[in-house]
Amino acid sequence: MGGCSRSFRRHMARARRRGLALHRTLGRVVGSTVGVSLALVAAEAWAQTPPATDQKESKDDVALPGVDVRGQRNQFKIEEPSLYKLPDPIKDTPQSITVIPEQVLEERAMFTLRDALRTVPGISLAAGEGGGRQGDNLTLRGFPAGNDIYIDGVRDLGQYARDTFNLESVEVLKGPSSVLFGRGSTGGIINQVSKTPKLTPFYEISGTVGSGPQGRATLDLNQPFGGSAALRLNLMGFKGDTPGRDEVTSERWGVAPSFAIGLDGPTRLIASYFYQGDDNLPDYGLPYLRGGPAKVNTESFYGIPSRDYEHDDIHIGTLRLEHDFNENLRFRSTLRLALIERGSLVSIPAIVGTPDSLPLSAIQVSRTGTQRSQVDTSVLNTTELVAKFDTWRFKHTLVTGFDASRENSDIRRYTFTGVPTTGLLNPNPDPDLSGMGRVKNFDGSSGATSVGVYAVDEMAITEQWKIMGGLRYDLFDAQFRNMFLGQKLSRTDEALSPRAALVFLPTKWQTYYFSYGTSFNPSA
């Protein structure tokens, strides 16, 4: 009996020790999960159905209807490119493509093409340093892209700052693309997708006010009629000062009507006109002194408001015909006429002499200035055909097309004499210009005729593997005449641009490809 008592006591002692250890373990677990546990308990308590009772419902009880709560995430992804030349979804196209949709342009207040492209990797912006290209001066993957800007797949020539009021999206194709677009496109191309008439009516007006002060208003009207036709009108007006700068102002306005017929049928005709005007006071900033910008008030303006100006008039008329022969054969032809007039007179501040030891109050700034007048005209046509067919059980997608254009540019430049200097610390915005003279230093014109024909075939070997091959021929004939020096020059370039690609699509959400392409830039 004594042995049983001792055994029982040892058993109880071990049980107490196990109970203490279990208590400590549960304490640590509960301490680390109490928040989660309370949340789960609360969720379960909320979701539980009240237990049934024998009590009868009161006549004052009210049965509440259920609440269905749903949410939808904004989708900014665009699946299909706008270009006939790219018949596959963006995911399956063997080229890096970035698309900025209209919703992003609006929600992020991207009012100019430059604003939109700031968000695109591989693009950098310049300001026309060294007397170079004005307006949208861009580089794409390190190569100048000023001549690689398009509207609806047709080259958009001219040096001006493009507004987004008439754009549905902006597409950036990266990498050599001469097989589809001809000369240039070494770093890629930038395609602006225009707003077009729809069969659903809508009327939108928007306004924005910002610091400066600045103000902008846009109007977007779309009205269908006759069952298959529609008219769309986009208007824009902008005016504002530049924050932190004296005298500097900008004005921009635009109108873009378009008309379409046959929107619900196989044959569609779209006619559009685009106009944008600019009237700005150019600003070349602070003069350079002793290794950097002069240490003066950053609001100091060294131009001459009564003389300086920057004015653009852009006129673009487009006629586009589309026809779907059937679901496997599509045709599109676009004819465009463009007239771009640009005039500017800018003051370029520069320190007079080499005043290394003079105080800032004694330093003078010259602002002789340069004047430029430029008129660009162009007639362009792009015709495309997309065909899908089978050969020996292989599925083909053939893209073929023809491009032709005539471009002309007339440029005159002047410099000025007898322009009074001004003090560095207190620039005079209204000097006496009675003794100012103007001297022409350039008068030239250039013209170019371009012709290109291409074909690119994509063949699906299996559901997962595709191969692509294509070739383009281009002829570029350019003439240049310098009336100022009596020079006449001409040059003709011919080029073949190949393309090849191997595409692997293991699943619906994966694409891997190896692509080869070239580009060429004529010296003209």
Protein backbone atom coordinates (compact mmCIF):
# COMPACT_ATOMS: atom_id res chain seq x y z
CA MET A 1 0.00 0.00 0.00
CA GLY A 2 2.86 2.34 0.79
CA GLY A 3 4.36 1.56 -2.65
CA CYS A 4 1.12 2.43 -4.39
CA SER A 5 0.93 5.72 -2.48
CA ARG A 6 4.46 6.69 -3.48
CA SER A 7 3.78 5.79 -7.15
CA PHE A 8 0.57 7.81 -7.13
CA ARG A 9 2.37 10.85 -5.70
CA ARG A 10 5.12 10.62 -8.36
CA HIS A 11 2.49 10.37 -11.10
CA MET A 12 0.67 13.47 -9.82
CA ALA A 13 3.94 15.44 -9.60
CA ARG A 14 4.79 14.61 -13.23
CA ALA A 15 1.28 15.65 -14.26
CA ARG A 16 1.65 18.97 -12.47
CA ARG A 17 5.00 19.61 -14.20
CA ARG A 18 3.50 18.77 -17.59
CA GLY A 19 0.57 21.03 -16.81
CA LEU A 20 2.87 23.94 -15.94
CA ALA A 21 4.89 23.46 -19.16
CA LEU A 22 1.72 23.26 -21.22
CA HIS A 23 0.42 26.39 -19.49
CA ARG A 24 3.61 28.30 -20.33
CA THR A 25 3.49 27.12 -23.96
CA LEU A 26 -0.14 28.11 -24.35
CA GLY A 27 0.66 31.46 -22.75
CA ARG A 28 3.32 32.16 -25.37
CA VAL A 29 1.07 31.02 -28.22
CA VAL A 30 -1.90 32.99 -26.96
CA GLY A 31 0.27 36.04 -26.32
CA SER A 32 1.54 36.03 -29.91
CA THR A 33 -1.79 35.31 -31.56
CA VAL A 34 -4.27 37.08 -29.39
CA GLY A 35 -4.88 39.78 -32.03
CA VAL A 36 -5.52 37.21 -34.73
CA SER A 37 -7.64 35.10 -32.43
CA LEU A 38 -9.81 38.03 -31.39
CA ALA A 39 -10.24 39.01 -35.03
CA LEU A 40 -11.21 35.47 -35.98
CA VAL A 41 -13.58 35.18 -33.07
CA ALA A 42 -15.16 38.49 -33.94
CA ALA A 43 -15.50 37.47 -37.58
CA GLU A 44 -17.03 34.15 -36.63
CA ALA A 45 -19.38 35.80 -34.13
CA TRP A 46 -20.47 38.27 -36.83
CA ALA A 47 -21.02 35.57 -39.42
CA GLN A 48 -22.76 33.04 -37.15
CA THR A 49 -26.46 32.44 -37.53
CA PRO A 50 -28.30 33.06 -34.24
CA PRO A 51 -29.28 29.80 -32.57
CA ALA A 52 -32.86 28.76 -32.89
CA THR A 53 -35.07 29.46 -29.89
CA ASP A 54 -38.54 28.53 -28.87
CA GLN A 55 -39.53 32.17 -28.39
CA LYS A 56 -41.99 33.65 -30.89
CA GLU A 57 -40.91 36.67 -32.96
CA SER A 58 -42.20 39.99 -31.72
CA LYS A 59 -44.50 41.98 -33.96
CA ASP A 60 -41.99 44.85 -33.67
CA ASP A 61 -39.11 42.81 -35.15
CA VAL A 62 -37.92 44.06 -38.57
CA ALA A 63 -36.16 41.83 -41.11
CA LEU A 64 -33.37 43.79 -42.82
CA PRO A 65 -32.45 43.01 -46.44
CA GLY A 66 -28.99 41.68 -47.18
CA VAL A 67 -26.20 43.95 -48.42
CA ASP A 68 -24.09 42.86 -51.39
CA VAL A 69 -20.71 44.65 -51.35
CA ARG A 70 -18.51 44.34 -54.42
CA GLY A 71 -15.40 46.14 -55.65
CA GLN A 72 -13.65 46.43 -58.97
CA ARG A 73 -10.02 47.32 -59.49
CA ASN A 74 -9.19 49.90 -62.15
CA GLN A 75 -7.56 48.25 -65.15
CA PHE A 76 -5.16 50.40 -67.15
CA LYS A 77 -3.84 47.55 -69.25
CA ILE A 78 -4.39 47.69 -73.03
CA GLU A 79 -4.29 44.28 -74.67
CA GLU A 80 -4.23 45.17 -78.37
CA PRO A 81 -2.06 47.71 -80.25
CA SER A 82 -3.80 50.24 -82.48
CA LEU A 83 -1.54 49.63 -85.49
CA TYR A 84 -2.52 47.29 -88.33
CA LYS A 85 1.20 46.58 -88.67
CA LEU A 86 1.09 44.80 -85.30
CA PRO A 87 -1.76 42.27 -85.66
CA ASP A 88 -0.99 40.25 -82.51
CA PRO A 89 -1.81 41.15 -78.89
CA ILE A 90 0.87 43.25 -77.23
CA LYS A 91 1.87 40.32 -75.02
CA ASP A 92 2.62 38.13 -78.06
CA THR A 93 4.45 40.79 -80.12
CA PRO A 94 8.25 40.25 -80.22
CA GLN A 95 9.03 43.84 -79.29
CA SER A 96 9.03 45.91 -76.12
CA ILE A 97 5.86 48.07 -76.14
CA THR A 98 4.69 50.58 -73.54
CA VAL A 99 1.16 52.01 -73.77
CA ILE A 100 -0.14 55.00 -71.81
CA PRO A 101 -3.97 54.89 -71.97
CA GLU A 102 -6.32 57.87 -71.91
CA GLN A 103 -7.38 57.20 -68.32
CA VAL A 104 -3.79 57.54 -67.12
CA LEU A 105 -3.31 60.71 -69.17
CA GLU A 106 -6.37 62.24 -67.49
CA GLU A 107 -5.84 61.03 -63.93
CA ARG A 108 -2.18 62.11 -63.86
CA ALA A 109 -2.90 65.42 -65.66
CA MET A 110 -0.50 64.69 -68.52
CA PHE A 111 -1.35 67.64 -70.74
CA THR A 112 1.57 67.34 -73.18
CA LEU A 113 3.31 64.48 -74.93
CA ARG A 114 6.47 65.30 -72.99
CA ASP A 115 4.60 64.91 -69.69
CA ALA A 116 3.30 61.50 -70.76
CA LEU A 117 6.69 60.23 -71.92
CA ARG A 118 8.41 61.17 -68.66
CA THR A 119 7.00 57.97 -67.20
CA VAL A 120 8.33 55.69 -69.98
CA PRO A 121 11.67 53.95 -69.32
CA GLY A 122 14.23 54.53 -72.06
CA ILE A 123 13.05 58.04 -73.02
CA SER A 124 14.90 61.22 -72.07
CA LEU A 125 13.89 64.80 -72.77
CA ALA A 126 16.01 67.67 -74.11
CA ALA A 127 15.30 71.37 -74.57
CA GLY A 128 16.94 72.11 -77.92
CA GLU A 129 20.36 72.99 -76.50
CA GLY A 130 22.88 74.35 -78.96
CA GLY A 131 20.32 75.72 -81.38
CA GLY A 132 19.07 72.25 -82.28
CA ARG A 133 15.59 70.85 -82.62
CA GLN A 134 12.77 72.78 -80.95
CA GLY A 135 9.47 71.53 -79.57
CA ASP A 136 9.36 67.85 -78.55
CA ASN A 137 13.07 67.06 -78.54
CA LEU A 138 13.28 63.43 -77.40
CA THR A 139 15.72 60.55 -77.34
CA LEU A 140 14.59 56.92 -77.25
CA ARG A 141 17.12 54.39 -76.00
CA GLY A 142 19.84 56.95 -76.59
CA PHE A 143 18.93 57.80 -80.20
CA PRO A 144 17.26 61.04 -81.38
CA ALA A 145 13.53 60.40 -81.88
CA GLY A 146 12.39 63.79 -83.19
CA ASN A 147 11.60 62.26 -86.61
CA ASP A 148 10.16 59.07 -85.12
CA ILE A 149 6.89 60.53 -83.81
CA TYR A 150 3.70 59.28 -85.47
CA ILE A 151 -0.05 59.91 -85.38
CA ASP A 152 -2.11 56.77 -86.05
CA GLY A 153 0.82 55.08 -87.73
CA VAL A 154 1.69 57.99 -90.07
CA ARG A 155 4.78 60.13 -89.46
CA ASP A 156 4.08 63.38 -87.60
CA LEU A 157 6.64 65.87 -88.90
CA GLY A 158 7.30 69.30 -87.48
CA GLN A 159 8.98 70.83 -84.46
CA TYR A 160 6.28 71.74 -81.98
CA ALA A 161 5.10 70.88 -78.45
CA ARG A 162 2.30 68.33 -78.80
CA ASP A 163 -0.79 68.50 -76.59
CA THR A 164 -2.74 65.39 -75.49
CA PHE A 165 -6.28 66.80 -75.72
CA ASN A 166 -7.05 64.69 -78.82
CA LEU A 167 -5.29 61.47 -77.79
CA GLU A 168 -6.78 58.17 -76.69
CA SER A 169 -3.37 56.71 -75.85
CA VAL A 170 0.36 56.90 -76.53
CA GLU A 171 2.26 53.82 -77.74
CA VAL A 172 6.05 53.51 -77.50
CA LEU A 173 7.68 50.73 -79.54
CA LYS A 174 11.29 50.19 -78.51
CA GLY A 175 14.06 48.83 -80.67
CA PRO A 176 14.96 49.10 -84.40
CA SER A 177 11.76 49.14 -86.45
CA SER A 178 12.71 50.13 -89.98
CA VAL A 179 11.05 47.04 -91.46
CA LEU A 180 7.66 48.56 -90.56
CA PHE A 181 8.31 52.32 -90.46
CA GLY A 182 11.22 53.02 -92.81
CA ARG A 183 13.99 55.49 -92.11
CA GLY A 184 14.90 56.39 -88.55
CA SER A 185 13.34 54.34 -85.74
CA THR A 186 16.78 53.34 -84.46
CA GLY A 187 15.67 53.54 -80.84
CA GLY A 188 12.03 52.86 -81.70
CA ILE A 189 8.95 54.96 -82.50
CA ILE A 190 6.33 56.95 -80.58
CA ASN A 191 2.77 56.61 -81.88
CA GLN A 192 -0.06 58.93 -80.85
CA VAL A 193 -3.53 57.34 -81.09
CA SER A 194 -6.16 59.95 -81.99
CA LYS A 195 -9.70 60.14 -80.63
CA THR A 196 -12.21 58.99 -83.24
CA PRO A 197 -16.03 59.05 -83.49
CA LYS A 198 -18.03 56.37 -81.63
CA LEU A 199 -21.58 55.08 -81.92
CA THR A 200 -22.26 55.86 -78.24
CA PRO A 201 -23.11 59.51 -77.46
CA PHE A 202 -21.22 61.32 -74.72
CA TYR A 203 -20.41 64.89 -73.73
CA GLU A 204 -17.49 65.71 -71.45
CA ILE A 205 -16.05 68.98 -70.19
CA SER A 206 -13.12 69.30 -67.82
CA GLY A 207 -11.08 72.10 -66.28
CA THR A 208 -7.86 72.39 -64.31
CA VAL A 209 -6.42 75.27 -62.29
CA GLY A 210 -2.83 75.31 -61.06
CA SER A 211 -0.11 77.47 -59.57
CA GLY A 212 1.51 80.07 -61.75
CA PRO A 213 -1.40 80.78 -62.09
CA GLN A 214 -2.43 78.39 -64.84
CA GLY A 215 -5.78 77.34 -66.30
CA ARG A 216 -6.83 74.71 -68.82
CA ALA A 217 -10.21 73.59 -70.19
CA THR A 218 -11.17 70.82 -72.61
CA LEU A 219 -14.39 69.76 -74.31
CA ASP A 220 -15.09 66.32 -75.82
CA LEU A 221 -18.38 65.86 -77.70
CA ASN A 222 -19.45 62.72 -79.56
CA GLN A 223 -22.77 62.52 -81.40
CA PRO A 224 -23.85 59.52 -83.52
CA PHE A 225 -26.57 59.84 -86.14
CA GLY A 226 -28.05 57.84 -88.99
CA GLY A 227 -27.27 54.51 -87.34
CA SER A 228 -23.69 54.14 -88.65
CA ALA A 229 -22.22 57.67 -88.68
CA ALA A 230 -20.87 59.87 -85.90
CA LEU A 231 -19.29 63.26 -85.36
CA ARG A 232 -16.72 64.03 -82.64
CA LEU A 233 -15.31 67.38 -81.58
CA ASN A 234 -12.44 68.05 -79.17
CA LEU A 235 -11.52 71.55 -78.01
CA MET A 236 -8.72 72.76 -75.74
CA GLY A 237 -7.54 76.05 -74.26
CA PHE A 238 -4.61 76.67 -71.93
CA LYS A 239 -3.03 79.80 -70.49
CA GLY A 240 -0.59 80.24 -67.66
CA ASP A 241 2.50 81.81 -66.18
CA THR A 242 5.64 79.88 -65.25
CA PRO A 243 5.98 79.57 -61.46
CA GLY A 244 9.11 81.24 -60.14
CA ARG A 245 9.84 83.22 -63.32
CA ASP A 246 9.02 86.84 -64.13
CA GLU A 247 7.30 87.70 -67.43
CA VAL A 248 7.25 84.11 -68.80
CA THR A 249 3.80 83.10 -70.12
CA SER A 250 2.35 80.34 -72.30
CA GLU A 251 -0.84 80.04 -74.31
CA ARG A 252 -2.08 77.02 -76.24
CA TRP A 253 -5.37 76.24 -77.94
CA GLY A 254 -6.66 73.49 -80.21
CA VAL A 255 -9.61 72.14 -82.16
CA ALA A 256 -9.99 68.62 -83.59
CA PRO A 257 -13.23 67.67 -85.40
CA SER A 258 -13.64 64.22 -86.95
CA PHE A 259 -16.42 62.53 -88.90
CA ALA A 260 -16.94 58.82 -89.59
CA ILE A 261 -19.39 56.77 -91.63
CA GLY A 262 -19.92 53.01 -91.78
CA LEU A 263 -18.87 52.43 -88.16
CA ASP A 264 -21.13 49.36 -87.85
CA GLY A 265 -20.14 47.82 -91.20
CA PRO A 266 -17.14 46.31 -92.99
CA THR A 267 -16.23 49.59 -94.73
CA ARG A 268 -15.37 52.66 -92.65
CA LEU A 269 -14.34 56.15 -93.74
CA ILE A 270 -12.94 58.62 -91.20
CA ALA A 271 -12.10 62.24 -92.01
CA SER A 272 -10.39 64.43 -89.40
CA TYR A 273 -8.76 67.82 -89.00
CA PHE A 274 -6.39 68.83 -86.23
CA TYR A 275 -5.30 72.34 -85.34
CA GLN A 276 -3.08 73.48 -82.50
CA GLY A 277 -1.77 76.99 -81.91
CA ASP A 278 0.86 78.25 -79.48
CA ASP A 279 1.81 81.74 -78.38
CA ASN A 280 4.58 81.76 -75.77
CA LEU A 281 7.27 84.01 -74.38
CA PRO A 282 10.46 81.91 -74.61
CA ASP A 283 12.74 81.68 -71.59
CA TYR A 284 16.45 80.88 -71.83
CA GLY A 285 17.04 81.11 -68.09
CA LEU A 286 20.00 82.66 -66.27
CA PRO A 287 23.38 83.54 -67.81
CA TYR A 288 26.38 81.34 -67.09
CA LEU A 289 28.95 82.91 -64.76
CA ARG A 290 32.04 81.53 -62.98
CA GLY A 291 31.31 77.87 -63.50
CA GLY A 292 27.55 77.87 -63.11
CA PRO A 293 24.31 79.84 -63.33
CA ALA A 294 24.75 83.38 -62.05
CA LYS A 295 23.91 83.70 -58.34
CA VAL A 296 21.02 86.09 -58.76
CA ASN A 297 17.32 86.05 -57.99
CA THR A 298 15.92 83.01 -59.83
CA GLU A 299 12.93 85.08 -60.97
CA SER A 300 15.18 87.40 -63.01
CA PHE A 301 14.18 87.39 -66.68
CA TYR A 302 16.70 88.58 -69.28
CA GLY A 303 14.48 88.53 -72.36
CA ILE A 304 12.61 91.41 -73.98
CA PRO A 305 8.82 90.79 -73.71
CA SER A 306 7.96 93.45 -76.31
CA ARG A 307 10.19 91.74 -78.91
CA ASP A 308 10.52 88.03 -78.07
CA TYR A 309 7.93 85.46 -79.11
CA GLU A 310 7.33 81.82 -79.98
CA HIS A 311 4.35 81.04 -82.19
CA ASP A 312 3.21 77.80 -83.86
CA ASP A 313 0.32 76.92 -86.16
CA ILE A 314 -0.21 73.21 -86.83
CA HIS A 315 -2.73 72.05 -89.43
CA ILE A 316 -3.16 68.30 -90.04
CA GLY A 317 -5.87 66.84 -92.27
CA THR A 318 -6.34 63.05 -92.46
CA LEU A 319 -8.56 60.77 -94.54
CA ARG A 320 -8.60 57.07 -93.60
CA LEU A 321 -10.38 54.21 -95.38
CA GLU A 322 -10.75 50.78 -93.76
CA HIS A 323 -12.36 47.67 -95.22
CA ASP A 324 -12.74 44.18 -93.79
CA PHE A 325 -13.11 41.74 -96.68
CA ASN A 326 -13.73 39.01 -94.11
CA GLU A 327 -12.41 38.07 -90.68
CA ASN A 328 -9.07 37.03 -92.23
CA LEU A 329 -8.41 39.93 -94.60
CA ARG A 330 -8.26 43.62 -93.57
CA PHE A 331 -7.27 46.72 -95.52
CA ARG A 332 -6.44 50.26 -94.40
CA SER A 333 -5.20 53.30 -96.34
CA THR A 334 -4.40 56.68 -94.76
CA LEU A 335 -3.78 59.95 -96.60
CA ARG A 336 -2.48 62.94 -94.65
CA LEU A 337 -1.71 66.58 -95.51
CA ALA A 338 0.13 68.69 -92.96
CA LEU A 339 1.19 72.33 -92.75
CA ILE A 340 3.28 73.49 -89.78
CA GLU A 341 4.35 77.11 -89.41
CA ARG A 342 6.77 78.03 -86.67
CA GLY A 343 8.23 81.41 -85.76
CA SER A 344 10.40 82.40 -82.82
CA LEU A 345 12.59 85.21 -81.58
CA VAL A 346 14.54 84.44 -78.43
CA SER A 347 16.96 86.35 -76.23
CA ILE A 348 19.99 84.30 -75.27
CA PRO A 349 21.57 85.91 -72.19
CA ALA A 350 25.37 85.93 -72.08
CA ILE A 351 27.84 87.68 -69.79
CA VAL A 352 29.68 90.58 -71.47
CA GLY A 353 33.47 90.14 -71.36
CA THR A 354 35.27 88.15 -68.64
CA PRO A 355 34.39 89.92 -65.39
CA ASP A 356 36.14 87.50 -63.05
CA SER A 357 36.84 90.10 -60.36
CA LEU A 358 33.93 92.51 -60.84
CA PRO A 359 31.06 92.62 -58.34
CA LEU A 360 27.73 91.33 -59.62
CA SER A 361 26.28 94.84 -59.65
CA ALA A 362 28.84 95.90 -62.27
CA ILE A 363 28.36 92.99 -64.68
CA GLN A 364 26.43 93.46 -67.92
CA VAL A 365 24.43 90.88 -69.89
CA SER A 366 23.98 90.84 -73.67
CA ARG A 367 20.73 89.59 -75.22
CA THR A 368 21.29 89.94 -78.93
CA GLY A 369 18.82 87.19 -79.77
CA THR A 370 18.09 85.03 -82.82
CA GLN A 371 14.99 84.85 -85.01
CA ARG A 372 13.77 81.79 -86.89
CA SER A 373 10.98 81.30 -89.40
CA GLN A 374 10.13 77.79 -90.58
CA VAL A 375 7.37 76.30 -92.75
CA ASP A 376 7.03 72.52 -93.11
CA THR A 377 4.63 70.85 -95.53
CA SER A 378 4.06 67.17 -96.18
CA VAL A 379 1.84 64.77 -98.10
CA LEU A 380 1.94 61.20 -96.79
CA ASN A 381 0.19 57.96 -97.61
CA THR A 382 0.33 54.64 -95.78
CA THR A 383 -1.49 51.57 -97.14
CA GLU A 384 -1.61 48.29 -95.20
CA LEU A 385 -3.05 44.82 -95.73
CA VAL A 386 -3.31 42.09 -93.08
CA ALA A 387 -4.07 38.54 -94.23
CA LYS A 388 -4.49 35.33 -92.23
CA PHE A 389 -4.32 31.96 -94.00
CA ASP A 390 -3.12 28.36 -93.65
CA THR A 391 -0.50 26.46 -95.64
CA TRP A 392 0.37 22.83 -94.95
CA ARG A 393 -1.38 23.06 -91.57
CA PHE A 394 0.71 26.10 -90.57
CA LYS A 395 -1.17 29.27 -89.64
CA HIS A 396 0.17 32.48 -91.22
CA THR A 397 -0.37 36.17 -90.47
CA LEU A 398 0.98 38.28 -93.31
CA VAL A 399 1.38 42.07 -92.96
CA THR A 400 2.28 43.95 -96.12
CA GLY A 401 2.18 47.61 -96.99
CA PHE A 402 3.27 50.56 -99.05
CA ASP A 403 4.40 54.02 -97.85
CA ALA A 404 4.97 57.15 -99.92
CA SER A 405 5.55 60.76 -98.91
CA ARG A 406 6.75 64.16 -100.04
CA GLU A 407 8.16 66.55 -97.44
CA ASN A 408 9.36 70.14 -97.76
CA SER A 409 10.89 72.56 -95.28
CA ASP A 410 11.79 76.24 -95.70
CA ILE A 411 13.88 77.93 -93.01
CA ARG A 412 15.13 81.49 -92.51
CA ARG A 413 17.26 82.72 -89.62
CA TYR A 414 18.29 86.20 -88.48
CA THR A 415 20.53 87.79 -85.87
CA PHE A 416 20.25 91.30 -84.38
CA THR A 417 22.60 94.21 -83.88
CA GLY A 418 22.39 97.28 -81.67
CA VAL A 419 20.51 95.57 -78.83
CA PRO A 420 21.24 97.33 -75.50
CA THR A 421 22.81 95.28 -72.73
CA THR A 422 21.28 95.09 -69.26
CA GLY A 423 22.51 94.77 -65.69
CA LEU A 424 22.92 91.31 -64.18
CA LEU A 425 21.18 92.10 -60.91
CA ASN A 426 18.35 94.27 -62.24
CA PRO A 427 17.55 93.33 -65.87
CA ASN A 428 15.53 95.91 -67.80
CA PRO A 429 12.55 94.22 -69.56
CA ASP A 430 11.73 97.27 -71.70
CA PRO A 431 14.89 98.70 -73.32
CA ASP A 432 15.03 101.26 -76.14
CA LEU A 433 15.17 99.23 -79.40
CA SER A 434 15.21 102.16 -81.82
CA GLY A 435 18.83 101.40 -82.80
CA MET A 436 18.31 97.64 -83.26
CA GLY A 437 19.05 96.11 -86.68
CA ARG A 438 18.35 92.67 -88.19
CA VAL A 439 20.73 90.59 -90.34
CA LYS A 440 19.82 87.42 -92.25
CA ASN A 441 22.32 84.61 -91.74
CA PHE A 442 20.51 81.65 -93.36
CA ASP A 443 17.93 81.06 -96.08
CA GLY A 444 17.42 77.49 -97.18
CA SER A 445 14.91 74.94 -98.34
CA SER A 446 14.90 71.17 -98.46
CA GLY A 447 12.65 68.50 -99.89
CA ALA A 448 12.52 64.72 -99.79
CA THR A 449 10.58 61.96 -101.52
CA SER A 450 10.22 58.64 -99.71
CA VAL A 451 8.93 55.33 -101.03
CA GLY A 452 8.85 52.08 -99.10
CA VAL A 453 7.33 48.61 -99.51
CA TYR A 454 7.45 45.78 -96.99
CA ALA A 455 6.12 42.36 -96.02
CA VAL A 456 6.33 40.52 -92.70
CA ASP A 457 5.07 36.95 -92.29
CA GLU A 458 4.39 35.27 -88.94
CA MET A 459 3.97 31.50 -89.01
CA ALA A 460 2.62 29.45 -86.09
CA ILE A 461 4.48 26.12 -86.09
CA THR A 462 2.61 24.87 -83.03
CA GLU A 463 0.40 26.48 -80.42
CA GLN A 464 3.52 27.37 -78.43
CA TRP A 465 6.06 28.26 -81.16
CA LYS A 466 6.01 30.98 -83.83
CA ILE A 467 8.60 32.28 -86.27
CA MET A 468 8.58 35.65 -88.01
CA GLY A 469 10.46 36.99 -91.00
CA GLY A 470 10.19 40.19 -92.99
CA LEU A 471 11.92 42.55 -95.42
CA ARG A 472 11.47 46.17 -96.46
CA TYR A 473 12.87 48.26 -99.31
CA ASP A 474 13.15 52.05 -98.99
CA LEU A 475 14.10 54.81 -101.41
CA PHE A 476 14.89 58.24 -99.95
CA ASP A 477 15.64 61.04 -102.41
CA ALA A 478 16.51 64.43 -100.83
CA GLN A 479 17.43 67.87 -102.17
CA PHE A 480 18.82 70.85 -100.30
CA ARG A 481 19.29 74.44 -101.45
CA ASN A 482 21.07 77.19 -99.54
CA MET A 483 20.01 80.46 -101.14
CA PHE A 484 22.18 82.42 -98.72
CA LEU A 485 25.38 80.81 -100.05
CA GLY A 486 24.13 79.69 -103.47
CA GLN A 487 24.51 75.95 -102.76
CA LYS A 488 22.54 73.07 -104.27
CA LEU A 489 22.95 69.56 -102.93
CA SER A 490 21.13 66.27 -103.48
CA ARG A 491 21.41 62.69 -102.35
CA THR A 492 19.59 59.40 -102.92
CA ASP A 493 19.68 56.55 -100.42
CA GLU A 494 18.36 53.01 -100.81
CA ALA A 495 18.14 50.49 -97.99
CA LEU A 496 16.93 46.98 -97.20
CA SER A 497 15.66 46.39 -93.67
CA PRO A 498 15.25 42.77 -92.51
CA ARG A 499 13.53 41.37 -89.44
CA ALA A 500 13.39 37.94 -87.85
CA ALA A 501 11.97 36.59 -84.61
CA LEU A 502 11.39 33.36 -82.72
CA VAL A 503 8.48 33.43 -80.24
CA PHE A 504 7.74 30.89 -77.49
CA LEU A 505 4.38 30.97 -75.67
CA PRO A 506 4.39 28.20 -73.03
CA THR A 507 1.20 29.48 -71.37
CA LYS A 508 -1.44 32.13 -71.96
CA TRP A 509 0.36 34.55 -69.64
CA GLN A 510 3.96 33.97 -70.76
CA THR A 511 5.85 35.04 -73.90
CA TYR A 512 9.55 34.63 -74.63
CA TYR A 513 11.15 35.78 -77.86
CA PHE A 514 14.40 36.32 -79.69
CA SER A 515 14.17 39.16 -82.21
CA TYR A 516 16.53 40.65 -84.77
CA GLY A 517 15.98 43.93 -86.63
CA THR A 518 17.85 46.83 -88.22
CA SER A 519 17.38 50.53 -88.89
CA PHE A 520 18.91 53.16 -91.12
CA ASN A 521 19.22 56.94 -90.97
CA PRO A 522 19.96 58.78 -94.24
CA SER A 523 22.51 61.55 -93.92
CA ALA A 524 19.92 64.02 -95.24
